[in-house]
Amino acid sequence: MRAILLNTAESPCPGTHYAACTEFLEGFRDYGYTPGVATTIGDISCAEYILLSSHKVNIEYLEQLNALSPNSIYLLWFYFDYISKIPFKRYILTGEYWHHPPKLRRHLAWYNMIPGLPHYVPFMLRANESPERIGTYPRNDIYNGCFMGTPYKPEWVSGLSNILYHDINKHGLLPYSRRREIYLSSKIAFGFHATDNILNNHVTQRVFEALCYGCIVLSDNPVAEELTDGIVVYVSSKEDFKNKYNYYLSHPEDCETKRMRGYTWAKQFGTNRYAVDLFLNHRFN
């Protein structure tokens, strides 16, 4: 059984979204699937699940896919504007998960469509880890804090000592194994978000990765705290961030309590197995 991402010239999946999608597909491995990437249309044969991005949509190309693999289940990332033209017999619309109605107008319009869609499953950006391994990795605190991603809130961490701040715009994407190593070496992870994600009540993958590997997570997104039942700590300003950062550095007993709660929560909700399970359990009439 195969679960693949289509990444062709006609249906590209670029940049950070490619990384997120390929890591998401790894969650299928726990259910006996072989994840992979199709770089030509001929590579999709015998794939049970095919993930398509909407960075470029060509209906004629979709019809070619349907003719070649009519029995596949197509996972369609943000295809809301093309519903009437989708040729597939079995498909699931998907997109980033909004914990509450998003505030950006276009996303709110899509959000309001969801209750009327018979085949929709949210695309949960979670950690590429098996639940059984959470809490089993040895930790070795080297850094007081860490951040990896598009450079959000650099002014908040300016002047902090002994932190790792990896700007992917300057230094490129890190492989998952390296990100895991950094989390396991950090006391606190900075769960910073793009402004649009905060407005849309969307929590990014780095929050869940950090919980899986035992970090205390400070986040500028209040939904991250709500979604994790208070395990993630919301910080509302630079001053609030500095105060809570210093508090957790000087209170290891509170860190340990949060770490254990984080492991428990992440085992149930924080991995790509949980994200994939939502698709595998979707039923077609």
Protein backbone atom coordinates (compact mmCIF):
# COMPACT_ATOMS: atom_id res chain seq x y z
CA MET A 1 0.00 0.00 0.00
CA ARG A 2 1.29 3.44 -0.93
CA ALA A 3 0.52 6.98 0.24
CA ILE A 4 2.22 9.58 -1.94
CA LEU A 5 2.63 13.29 -2.50
CA LEU A 6 2.33 14.44 -6.11
CA ASN A 7 5.09 16.92 -6.89
CA THR A 8 5.21 17.49 -10.63
CA ALA A 9 5.50 20.56 -12.85
CA GLU A 10 1.73 20.41 -13.34
CA SER A 11 0.99 19.96 -9.62
CA PRO A 12 3.92 21.35 -7.62
CA CYS A 13 4.37 21.33 -3.87
CA PRO A 14 7.15 23.82 -3.10
CA GLY A 15 9.26 24.92 -0.15
CA THR A 16 8.22 24.43 3.44
CA HIS A 17 4.90 22.93 2.37
CA TYR A 18 6.77 20.10 0.66
CA ALA A 19 8.61 19.38 3.91
CA ALA A 20 5.37 19.44 5.92
CA CYS A 21 3.57 17.15 3.46
CA THR A 22 6.31 14.54 3.23
CA GLU A 23 6.59 14.43 7.02
CA PHE A 24 2.81 14.12 7.31
CA LEU A 25 2.85 11.12 4.98
CA GLU A 26 5.33 9.38 7.29
CA GLY A 27 2.37 8.93 9.64
CA PHE A 28 0.96 6.39 7.17
CA ARG A 29 3.99 4.19 7.78
CA ASP A 30 2.63 3.24 11.20
CA TYR A 31 -0.38 1.72 9.40
CA GLY A 32 1.59 -0.38 6.95
CA TYR A 33 1.74 2.09 4.07
CA THR A 34 4.84 3.06 2.13
CA PRO A 35 5.02 6.86 1.85
CA GLY A 36 6.68 8.50 -1.12
CA VAL A 37 6.78 11.32 -3.65
CA ALA A 38 5.62 11.05 -7.27
CA THR A 39 7.57 13.31 -9.61
CA THR A 40 5.85 12.08 -12.78
CA ILE A 41 2.24 11.18 -13.45
CA GLY A 42 3.27 7.59 -14.07
CA ASP A 43 4.49 7.25 -10.49
CA ILE A 44 0.97 7.35 -9.02
CA SER A 45 -0.09 3.86 -10.09
CA CYS A 46 -1.16 1.57 -7.24
CA ALA A 47 -1.20 4.44 -4.73
CA GLU A 48 -4.16 4.25 -2.38
CA TYR A 49 -3.75 7.84 -1.14
CA ILE A 50 -2.50 10.71 -3.31
CA LEU A 51 -1.90 14.14 -1.77
CA LEU A 52 -2.16 17.18 -4.05
CA SER A 53 -1.30 20.77 -3.21
CA SER A 54 -3.17 23.74 -4.72
CA HIS A 55 -0.16 25.86 -5.61
CA LYS A 56 -1.08 25.17 -9.23
CA VAL A 57 -4.40 23.63 -10.27
CA ASN A 58 -5.08 22.34 -13.78
CA ILE A 59 -8.42 20.57 -14.21
CA GLU A 60 -7.31 18.76 -17.37
CA TYR A 61 -4.36 17.38 -15.43
CA LEU A 62 -6.70 16.19 -12.67
CA GLU A 63 -8.72 14.36 -15.31
CA GLN A 64 -5.55 12.64 -16.50
CA LEU A 65 -4.82 11.55 -12.94
CA ASN A 66 -8.34 10.23 -12.57
CA ALA A 67 -8.08 8.23 -15.78
CA LEU A 68 -4.78 6.71 -14.68
CA SER A 69 -5.74 5.96 -11.07
CA PRO A 70 -9.55 6.14 -10.67
CA ASN A 71 -9.72 4.13 -7.44
CA SER A 72 -7.23 6.18 -5.45
CA ILE A 73 -8.31 8.48 -2.64
CA TYR A 74 -7.15 12.00 -3.41
CA LEU A 75 -6.31 14.34 -0.55
CA LEU A 76 -6.82 17.86 -1.89
CA TRP A 77 -5.08 20.70 -0.06
CA PHE A 78 -7.18 23.92 -0.27
CA TYR A 79 -9.23 22.91 -3.30
CA PHE A 80 -12.31 24.70 -1.96
CA ASP A 81 -12.58 26.95 -5.03
CA TYR A 82 -12.58 23.97 -7.42
CA ILE A 83 -15.14 21.64 -5.84
CA SER A 84 -17.53 21.63 -8.79
CA LYS A 85 -14.70 20.65 -11.16
CA ILE A 86 -13.10 17.83 -9.17
CA PRO A 87 -13.29 14.67 -11.32
CA PHE A 88 -12.33 12.11 -8.68
CA LYS A 89 -14.72 9.45 -7.44
CA ARG A 90 -13.16 9.47 -3.97
CA TYR A 91 -11.51 12.56 -2.56
CA ILE A 92 -11.11 14.36 0.74
CA LEU A 93 -10.83 18.13 0.89
CA THR A 94 -8.33 19.34 3.44
CA GLY A 95 -6.47 22.40 4.65
CA GLU A 96 -4.80 23.77 7.75
CA TYR A 97 -6.69 23.32 11.01
CA TRP A 98 -8.40 26.40 12.48
CA HIS A 99 -9.19 25.92 16.16
CA HIS A 100 -11.69 28.78 15.97
CA PRO A 101 -13.11 30.68 12.97
CA PRO A 102 -10.22 32.37 11.14
CA LYS A 103 -10.19 36.14 10.92
CA LEU A 104 -8.78 36.48 7.42
CA ARG A 105 -11.70 36.92 5.03
CA ARG A 106 -10.78 34.33 2.41
CA HIS A 107 -10.06 31.66 5.01
CA LEU A 108 -13.28 32.48 6.86
CA ALA A 109 -15.24 31.90 3.66
CA TRP A 110 -13.66 28.45 3.33
CA TYR A 111 -14.21 27.73 7.03
CA ASN A 112 -17.92 28.48 6.61
CA MET A 113 -18.11 25.96 3.77
CA ILE A 114 -16.83 23.06 5.88
CA PRO A 115 -20.10 22.05 7.63
CA GLY A 116 -21.69 21.42 4.22
CA LEU A 117 -18.83 19.34 2.84
CA PRO A 118 -19.37 15.55 2.98
CA HIS A 119 -15.69 14.77 2.58
CA TYR A 120 -13.49 17.10 4.59
CA VAL A 121 -10.73 16.31 7.07
CA PRO A 122 -8.43 18.97 8.57
CA PHE A 123 -4.72 18.67 7.81
CA MET A 124 -3.08 18.56 11.23
CA LEU A 125 0.54 19.69 11.18
CA ARG A 126 2.02 17.51 13.89
CA ALA A 127 5.34 15.94 14.84
CA ASN A 128 6.88 13.20 12.71
CA GLU A 129 7.16 10.78 15.60
CA SER A 130 5.57 7.55 16.80
CA PRO A 131 3.67 8.00 20.07
CA GLU A 132 5.44 5.03 21.66
CA ARG A 133 8.80 6.79 21.41
CA ILE A 134 7.73 10.05 23.04
CA GLY A 135 9.46 10.44 26.39
CA THR A 136 12.03 7.73 25.65
CA TYR A 137 14.73 9.87 24.05
CA PRO A 138 17.55 11.02 26.36
CA ARG A 139 17.63 14.76 26.91
CA ASN A 140 20.77 16.82 27.37
CA ASP A 141 20.17 20.51 28.02
CA ILE A 142 22.71 22.47 26.00
CA TYR A 143 20.61 25.50 25.07
CA ASN A 144 18.38 27.61 27.26
CA GLY A 145 16.04 28.18 24.34
CA CYS A 146 15.58 27.38 20.66
CA PHE A 147 13.66 28.44 17.58
CA MET A 148 13.74 27.02 14.04
CA GLY A 149 11.79 28.46 11.14
CA THR A 150 10.87 31.68 9.37
CA PRO A 151 12.30 34.42 11.61
CA TYR A 152 9.39 35.46 13.83
CA LYS A 153 9.91 37.70 16.88
CA PRO A 154 13.72 38.03 16.60
CA GLU A 155 13.48 41.22 18.64
CA TRP A 156 12.00 39.24 21.54
CA VAL A 157 15.04 37.00 21.84
CA SER A 158 17.63 39.69 21.19
CA GLY A 159 20.17 39.71 24.01
CA LEU A 160 19.33 36.25 25.34
CA SER A 161 22.37 34.09 25.97
CA ASN A 162 22.88 30.44 25.12
CA ILE A 163 20.01 30.09 22.65
CA LEU A 164 19.79 28.62 19.15
CA TYR A 165 17.78 30.71 16.66
CA HIS A 166 17.81 29.08 13.22
CA ASP A 167 16.51 31.38 10.47
CA ILE A 168 15.55 29.17 7.52
CA ASN A 169 15.57 32.17 5.17
CA LYS A 170 19.31 32.50 5.77
CA HIS A 171 20.38 28.96 6.57
CA GLY A 172 17.80 26.70 4.91
CA LEU A 173 15.48 24.01 6.21
CA LEU A 174 16.74 21.58 8.81
CA PRO A 175 16.04 17.86 8.43
CA TYR A 176 13.70 16.41 11.02
CA SER A 177 16.47 14.47 12.74
CA ARG A 178 18.38 17.68 13.39
CA ARG A 179 15.29 19.50 14.67
CA ARG A 180 14.65 16.63 17.08
CA GLU A 181 18.24 16.80 18.28
CA ILE A 182 17.91 20.53 18.97
CA TYR A 183 14.66 20.13 20.90
CA LEU A 184 16.20 17.37 22.99
CA SER A 185 19.06 19.76 23.76
CA SER A 186 16.88 22.75 24.72
CA LYS A 187 15.11 23.66 27.93
CA ILE A 188 12.60 26.01 26.31
CA ALA A 189 11.24 26.20 22.75
CA PHE A 190 9.91 29.42 21.28
CA GLY A 191 6.60 28.63 19.59
CA PHE A 192 6.42 31.82 17.56
CA HIS A 193 3.91 32.21 14.72
CA ALA A 194 3.26 34.29 11.63
CA THR A 195 0.71 37.04 12.24
CA ASP A 196 -1.71 35.44 9.78
CA ASN A 197 -1.59 32.13 11.66
CA ILE A 198 -2.39 33.90 14.91
CA LEU A 199 -5.30 35.71 13.25
CA ASN A 200 -6.51 32.41 11.83
CA ASN A 201 -6.29 30.52 15.15
CA HIS A 202 -3.88 28.05 13.60
CA VAL A 203 -1.08 26.39 15.60
CA THR A 204 2.09 25.47 13.74
CA GLN A 205 4.07 22.25 13.73
CA ARG A 206 6.99 23.49 15.84
CA VAL A 207 4.77 23.63 18.92
CA PHE A 208 3.95 19.92 18.72
CA GLU A 209 7.49 18.90 17.90
CA ALA A 210 8.76 20.72 20.97
CA LEU A 211 6.21 19.01 23.23
CA CYS A 212 7.17 15.59 21.87
CA TYR A 213 10.79 16.10 22.88
CA GLY A 214 10.30 17.56 26.33
CA CYS A 215 10.63 21.32 25.87
CA ILE A 216 8.72 23.95 27.76
CA VAL A 217 6.93 25.88 25.00
CA LEU A 218 6.38 29.63 25.13
CA SER A 219 4.09 30.79 22.33
CA ASP A 220 2.79 34.11 21.02
CA ASN A 221 -0.39 32.33 19.88
CA PRO A 222 -3.08 32.11 22.60
CA VAL A 223 -4.74 29.20 20.80
CA ALA A 224 -1.63 27.08 21.39
CA GLU A 225 -2.21 27.34 25.13
CA GLU A 226 -5.92 26.61 24.78
CA LEU A 227 -5.46 23.66 22.42
CA THR A 228 -2.96 21.97 24.74
CA ASP A 229 -4.98 22.48 27.92
CA GLY A 230 -2.51 25.02 29.30
CA ILE A 231 0.64 22.98 28.70
CA VAL A 232 1.95 25.54 26.23
CA VAL A 233 2.46 28.92 27.89
CA TYR A 234 1.05 31.97 26.11
CA VAL A 235 3.21 35.11 26.07
CA SER A 236 1.48 38.33 25.07
CA SER A 237 4.43 40.70 24.69
CA LYS A 238 8.21 40.87 24.75
CA GLU A 239 8.13 41.76 28.44
CA ASP A 240 5.76 38.89 29.23
CA PHE A 241 7.97 36.54 27.22
CA LYS A 242 11.12 37.57 29.08
CA ASN A 243 9.42 37.22 32.46
CA LYS A 244 8.08 33.73 31.76
CA TYR A 245 11.31 32.66 30.08
CA ASN A 246 13.31 33.61 33.16
CA TYR A 247 10.72 32.00 35.43
CA TYR A 248 10.98 28.58 33.81
CA LEU A 249 14.76 28.73 33.63
CA SER A 250 14.83 29.19 37.40
CA HIS A 251 12.04 26.71 38.30
CA PRO A 252 13.11 23.26 37.06
CA GLU A 253 10.44 21.51 39.13
CA ASP A 254 7.68 23.33 37.21
CA CYS A 255 9.45 22.47 33.97
CA GLU A 256 9.40 18.79 34.84
CA THR A 257 5.66 18.90 35.58
CA LYS A 258 4.93 20.55 32.25
CA ARG A 259 7.28 18.18 30.45
CA MET A 260 5.39 15.13 31.71
CA ARG A 261 2.03 16.69 30.84
CA GLY A 262 3.39 17.56 27.41
CA TYR A 263 4.47 13.97 26.78
CA THR A 264 1.03 12.67 27.73
CA TRP A 265 -0.78 15.15 25.52
CA ALA A 266 1.58 14.67 22.57
CA LYS A 267 1.23 10.89 22.64
CA GLN A 268 -2.49 11.28 22.02
CA PHE A 269 -2.72 14.38 19.84
CA GLY A 270 0.73 15.58 18.84
CA THR A 271 2.00 13.21 16.15
CA ASN A 272 1.35 12.55 12.49
CA ARG A 273 -0.18 9.21 13.44
CA TYR A 274 -3.04 11.20 14.97
CA ALA A 275 -3.19 13.42 11.86
CA VAL A 276 -3.23 10.47 9.45
CA ASP A 277 -5.73 8.53 11.54
CA LEU A 278 -8.35 11.19 10.80
CA PHE A 279 -8.04 10.45 7.07
CA LEU A 280 -7.93 6.68 7.44
CA ASN A 281 -11.11 6.75 9.51
CA HIS A 282 -13.00 8.88 6.98
CA ARG A 283 -15.85 6.92 5.45
CA PHE A 284 -17.34 7.36 1.98
CA ASN A 285 -21.05 6.79 1.41
